[in-house]
Every structure is written in C-alpha cells, then in structure tokens.
Amino acid sequence: MTPVGRSTCKRLDLNDERYPENDSIRSARGFWVKAGLHPPDEDPRQATEENL
C-alpha cells in the first residue's frame, strides 16, 4: 500500500478495528465481495498482483 493509500484509510477510518464486526466498512466490503462488486474489474492493484 502506498503512503497516500495509508493516509486515506487512516483519514476515512476505513479499516478501524474499534467498530463491531457487523458495523464497519469491513462488513460492507464482505457483502460487496459476495455480490461480485469488489474489487472492481478495473482495479490496477489486482491486475498487478495477478501478474506476479
């Protein structure tokens, strides 16, 4: 993860473990994965990881 990505997560509180599991972005992300909406097809990070 880049410094910009880390600061964005920190600023937006995206991965904060203080929240209960059923009340967080991590919970929402799990639903998005199950629905096939995450990660998006155009995610450059996924393309890089698949090529390794």
PDB file of N, CA and C in Angstrom:
ATOM      1  N   MET A   1       0.850  -1.170   0.000  1.00  0.00           N
ATOM      2  CA  MET A   1       0.000   0.000   0.000  1.00  0.00           C
ATOM      3  C   MET A   1       0.893   1.229   0.000  1.00  0.00           C
ATOM      4  N   THR A   2       0.449   2.207  -0.715  1.00  0.00           N
ATOM      5  CA  THR A   2       1.218   3.450  -0.831  1.00  0.00           C
ATOM      6  C   THR A   2       0.986   4.343   0.388  1.00  0.00           C
ATOM      7  N   PRO A   3       1.865   5.310   0.614  1.00  0.00           N
ATOM      8  CA  PRO A   3       1.648   6.264   1.706  1.00  0.00           C
ATOM      9  C   PRO A   3       0.312   7.003   1.552  1.00  0.00           C
ATOM     10  N   VAL A   4      -0.060   7.339   0.325  1.00  0.00           N
ATOM     11  CA  VAL A   4      -1.334   8.021   0.094  1.00  0.00           C
ATOM     12  C   VAL A   4      -2.486   7.104   0.479  1.00  0.00           C
ATOM     13  N   GLY A   5      -2.395   5.826   0.111  1.00  0.00           N
ATOM     14  CA  GLY A   5      -3.443   4.872   0.464  1.00  0.00           C
ATOM     15  C   GLY A   5      -3.579   4.716   1.971  1.00  0.00           C
ATOM     16  N   ARG A   6      -2.438   4.625   2.661  1.00  0.00           N
ATOM     17  CA  ARG A   6      -2.466   4.501   4.125  1.00  0.00           C
ATOM     18  C   ARG A   6      -3.094   5.722   4.773  1.00  0.00           C
ATOM     19  N   SER A   7      -2.709   6.900   4.302  1.00  0.00           N
ATOM     20  CA  SER A   7      -3.261   8.107   4.903  1.00  0.00           C
ATOM     21  C   SER A   7      -4.750   8.252   4.583  1.00  0.00           C
ATOM     22  N   THR A   8      -5.161   7.806   3.414  1.00  0.00           N
ATOM     23  CA  THR A   8      -6.585   7.849   3.062  1.00  0.00           C
ATOM     24  C   THR A   8      -7.378   6.937   3.982  1.00  0.00           C
ATOM     25  N   CYS A   9      -6.899   5.710   4.171  1.00  0.00           N
ATOM     26  CA  CYS A   9      -7.581   4.778   5.074  1.00  0.00           C
ATOM     27  C   CYS A   9      -7.633   5.342   6.484  1.00  0.00           C
ATOM     28  N   LYS A  10      -6.521   5.911   6.931  1.00  0.00           N
ATOM     29  CA  LYS A  10      -6.472   6.480   8.271  1.00  0.00           C
ATOM     30  C   LYS A  10      -7.454   7.641   8.399  1.00  0.00           C
ATOM     31  N   ARG A  11      -7.442   8.531   7.419  1.00  0.00           N
ATOM     32  CA  ARG A  11      -8.307   9.712   7.473  1.00  0.00           C
ATOM     33  C   ARG A  11      -9.779   9.329   7.392  1.00  0.00           C
ATOM     34  N   LEU A  12     -10.108   8.383   6.531  1.00  0.00           N
ATOM     35  CA  LEU A  12     -11.501   7.989   6.357  1.00  0.00           C
ATOM     36  C   LEU A  12     -11.925   6.901   7.342  1.00  0.00           C
ATOM     37  N   ASP A  13     -10.967   6.412   8.133  1.00  0.00           N
ATOM     38  CA  ASP A  13     -11.265   5.412   9.155  1.00  0.00           C
ATOM     39  C   ASP A  13     -11.838   4.142   8.527  1.00  0.00           C
ATOM     40  N   LEU A  14     -11.268   3.713   7.390  1.00  0.00           N
ATOM     41  CA  LEU A  14     -11.841   2.613   6.619  1.00  0.00           C
ATOM     42  C   LEU A  14     -11.617   1.234   7.230  1.00  0.00           C
ATOM     43  N   ASN A  15     -10.544   1.048   7.945  1.00  0.00           N
ATOM     44  CA  ASN A  15     -10.230  -0.277   8.480  1.00  0.00           C
ATOM     45  C   ASN A  15     -10.124  -0.260   9.996  1.00  0.00           C
ATOM     46  N   ASP A  16     -10.919   0.519  10.640  1.00  0.00           N
ATOM     47  CA  ASP A  16     -10.802   0.712  12.067  1.00  0.00           C
ATOM     48  C   ASP A  16     -11.377  -0.473  12.835  1.00  0.00           C
ATOM     49  N   GLU A  17     -10.540  -1.123  13.613  1.00  0.00           N
ATOM     50  CA  GLU A  17     -10.959  -2.289  14.385  1.00  0.00           C
ATOM     51  C   GLU A  17     -11.787  -1.926  15.618  1.00  0.00           C
ATOM     52  N   ARG A  18     -11.954  -0.635  15.873  1.00  0.00           N
ATOM     53  CA  ARG A  18     -12.753  -0.230  17.034  1.00  0.00           C
ATOM     54  C   ARG A  18     -14.234  -0.501  16.832  1.00  0.00           C
ATOM     55  N   TYR A  19     -14.663  -0.605  15.585  1.00  0.00           N
ATOM     56  CA  TYR A  19     -16.076  -0.819  15.313  1.00  0.00           C
ATOM     57  C   TYR A  19     -16.416  -2.298  15.423  1.00  0.00           C
ATOM     58  N   PRO A  20     -17.638  -2.615  15.844  1.00  0.00           N
ATOM     59  CA  PRO A  20     -18.051  -4.017  15.859  1.00  0.00           C
ATOM     60  C   PRO A  20     -18.022  -4.584  14.434  1.00  0.00           C
ATOM     61  N   GLU A  21     -17.831  -5.887  14.324  1.00  0.00           N
ATOM     62  CA  GLU A  21     -17.693  -6.523  13.004  1.00  0.00           C
ATOM     63  C   GLU A  21     -18.893  -6.249  12.101  1.00  0.00           C
ATOM     64  N   ASN A  22     -20.085  -6.203  12.680  1.00  0.00           N
ATOM     65  CA  ASN A  22     -21.274  -6.016  11.850  1.00  0.00           C
ATOM     66  C   ASN A  22     -21.607  -4.548  11.616  1.00  0.00           C
ATOM     67  N   ASP A  23     -20.719  -3.651  11.964  1.00  0.00           N
ATOM     68  CA  ASP A  23     -20.975  -2.216  11.813  1.00  0.00           C
ATOM     69  C   ASP A  23     -19.713  -1.521  11.325  1.00  0.00           C
ATOM     70  N   SER A  24     -19.193  -1.955  10.180  1.00  0.00           N
ATOM     71  CA  SER A  24     -17.952  -1.367   9.705  1.00  0.00           C
ATOM     72  C   SER A  24     -17.838  -1.487   8.198  1.00  0.00           C
ATOM     73  N   ILE A  25     -16.865  -0.795   7.668  1.00  0.00           N
ATOM     74  CA  ILE A  25     -16.587  -0.882   6.239  1.00  0.00           C
ATOM     75  C   ILE A  25     -16.122  -2.293   5.887  1.00  0.00           C
ATOM     76  N   ARG A  26     -15.473  -2.972   6.828  1.00  0.00           N
ATOM     77  CA  ARG A  26     -15.035  -4.343   6.560  1.00  0.00           C
ATOM     78  C   ARG A  26     -16.229  -5.253   6.337  1.00  0.00           C
ATOM     79  N   SER A  27     -17.285  -5.054   7.085  1.00  0.00           N
ATOM     80  CA  SER A  27     -18.504  -5.837   6.903  1.00  0.00           C
ATOM     81  C   SER A  27     -19.129  -5.531   5.541  1.00  0.00           C
ATOM     82  N   ALA A  28     -19.202  -4.250   5.206  1.00  0.00           N
ATOM     83  CA  ALA A  28     -19.755  -3.854   3.910  1.00  0.00           C
ATOM     84  C   ALA A  28     -18.925  -4.424   2.771  1.00  0.00           C
ATOM     85  N   ARG A  29     -17.595  -4.382   2.911  1.00  0.00           N
ATOM     86  CA  ARG A  29     -16.717  -4.916   1.875  1.00  0.00           C
ATOM     87  C   ARG A  29     -16.979  -6.399   1.670  1.00  0.00           C
ATOM     88  N   GLY A  30     -17.258  -7.131   2.734  1.00  0.00           N
ATOM     89  CA  GLY A  30     -17.580  -8.550   2.622  1.00  0.00           C
ATOM     90  C   GLY A  30     -18.824  -8.781   1.781  1.00  0.00           C
ATOM     91  N   PHE A  31     -19.834  -7.942   1.961  1.00  0.00           N
ATOM     92  CA  PHE A  31     -21.037  -8.043   1.136  1.00  0.00           C
ATOM     93  C   PHE A  31     -20.728  -7.730  -0.323  1.00  0.00           C
ATOM     94  N   TRP A  32     -19.885  -6.718  -0.544  1.00  0.00           N
ATOM     95  CA  TRP A  32     -19.524  -6.355  -1.914  1.00  0.00           C
ATOM     96  C   TRP A  32     -18.790  -7.495  -2.604  1.00  0.00           C
ATOM     97  N   VAL A  33     -17.906  -8.183  -1.871  1.00  0.00           N
ATOM     98  CA  VAL A  33     -17.172  -9.317  -2.438  1.00  0.00           C
ATOM     99  C   VAL A  33     -18.154 -10.428  -2.814  1.00  0.00           C
ATOM    100  N   LYS A  34     -19.082 -10.749  -1.917  1.00  0.00           N
ATOM    101  CA  LYS A  34     -20.069 -11.796  -2.194  1.00  0.00           C
ATOM    102  C   LYS A  34     -20.927 -11.454  -3.401  1.00  0.00           C
ATOM    103  N   ALA A  35     -21.218 -10.178  -3.588  1.00  0.00           N
ATOM    104  CA  ALA A  35     -22.043  -9.739  -4.710  1.00  0.00           C
ATOM    105  C   ALA A  35     -21.240  -9.571  -6.001  1.00  0.00           C
ATOM    106  N   GLY A  36     -19.916  -9.774  -5.918  1.00  0.00           N
ATOM    107  CA  GLY A  36     -19.072  -9.625  -7.096  1.00  0.00           C
ATOM    108  C   GLY A  36     -18.762  -8.183  -7.459  1.00  0.00           C
ATOM    109  N   LEU A  37     -18.951  -7.273  -6.515  1.00  0.00           N
ATOM    110  CA  LEU A  37     -18.723  -5.855  -6.771  1.00  0.00           C
ATOM    111  C   LEU A  37     -17.359  -5.360  -6.304  1.00  0.00           C
ATOM    112  N   HIS A  38     -16.645  -6.205  -5.573  1.00  0.00           N
ATOM    113  CA  HIS A  38     -15.345  -5.790  -5.042  1.00  0.00           C
ATOM    114  C   HIS A  38     -14.358  -6.929  -5.179  1.00  0.00           C
ATOM    115  N   PRO A  39     -13.180  -6.742  -5.631  1.00  0.00           N
ATOM    116  CA  PRO A  39     -12.644  -5.492  -6.156  1.00  0.00           C
ATOM    117  C   PRO A  39     -13.208  -5.217  -7.547  1.00  0.00           C
ATOM    118  N   PRO A  40     -13.246  -3.964  -7.945  1.00  0.00           N
ATOM    119  CA  PRO A  40     -13.759  -3.634  -9.275  1.00  0.00           C
ATOM    120  C   PRO A  40     -12.855  -4.214 -10.363  1.00  0.00           C
ATOM    121  N   ASP A  41     -13.432  -4.481 -11.517  1.00  0.00           N
ATOM    122  CA  ASP A  41     -12.672  -5.055 -12.633  1.00  0.00           C
ATOM    123  C   ASP A  41     -11.478  -4.212 -13.024  1.00  0.00           C
ATOM    124  N   GLU A  42     -11.611  -2.902 -12.916  1.00  0.00           N
ATOM    125  CA  GLU A  42     -10.537  -2.014 -13.351  1.00  0.00           C
ATOM    126  C   GLU A  42      -9.540  -1.683 -12.237  1.00  0.00           C
ATOM    127  N   ASP A  43      -9.527  -2.460 -11.169  1.00  0.00           N
ATOM    128  CA  ASP A  43      -8.631  -2.224 -10.039  1.00  0.00           C
ATOM    129  C   ASP A  43      -7.183  -2.492 -10.455  1.00  0.00           C
ATOM    130  N   PRO A  44      -6.347  -1.456 -10.558  1.00  0.00           N
ATOM    131  CA  PRO A  44      -4.968  -1.663 -11.008  1.00  0.00           C
ATOM    132  C   PRO A  44      -4.148  -2.502 -10.033  1.00  0.00           C
ATOM    133  N   ARG A  45      -4.467  -2.469  -8.765  1.00  0.00           N
ATOM    134  CA  ARG A  45      -3.729  -3.264  -7.796  1.00  0.00           C
ATOM    135  C   ARG A  45      -3.955  -4.760  -8.037  1.00  0.00           C
ATOM    136  N   GLN A  46      -5.179  -5.150  -8.338  1.00  0.00           N
ATOM    137  CA  GLN A  46      -5.489  -6.543  -8.604  1.00  0.00           C
ATOM    138  C   GLN A  46      -4.747  -7.006  -9.860  1.00  0.00           C
ATOM    139  N   ALA A  47      -4.716  -6.182 -10.887  1.00  0.00           N
ATOM    140  CA  ALA A  47      -4.034  -6.556 -12.123  1.00  0.00           C
ATOM    141  C   ALA A  47      -2.558  -6.801 -11.848  1.00  0.00           C
ATOM    142  N   THR A  48      -1.950  -5.986 -11.009  1.00  0.00           N
ATOM    143  CA  THR A  48      -0.543  -6.146 -10.667  1.00  0.00           C
ATOM    144  C   THR A  48      -0.313  -7.432  -9.891  1.00  0.00           C
ATOM    145  N   GLU A  49      -1.157  -7.723  -8.916  1.00  0.00           N
ATOM    146  CA  GLU A  49      -0.993  -8.923  -8.105  1.00  0.00           C
ATOM    147  C   GLU A  49      -1.201 -10.194  -8.912  1.00  0.00           C
ATOM    148  N   GLU A  50      -2.112 -10.185  -9.882  1.00  0.00           N
ATOM    149  CA  GLU A  50      -2.362 -11.352 -10.704  1.00  0.00           C
ATOM    150  C   GLU A  50      -1.181 -11.646 -11.626  1.00  0.00           C
ATOM    151  N   ASN A  51      -0.426 -10.623 -11.987  1.00  0.00           N
ATOM    152  CA  ASN A  51       0.699 -10.809 -12.901  1.00  0.00           C
ATOM    153  C   ASN A  51       1.967 -11.282 -12.205  1.00  0.00           C
ATOM    154  N   LEU A  52       1.950 -11.356 -10.885  1.00  0.00           N
ATOM    155  CA  LEU A  52       3.163 -11.766 -10.153  1.00  0.00           C
ATOM    156  C   LEU A  52       3.371 -13.241 -10.203  1.00  0.00           C
TER     157      LEU A  52
END
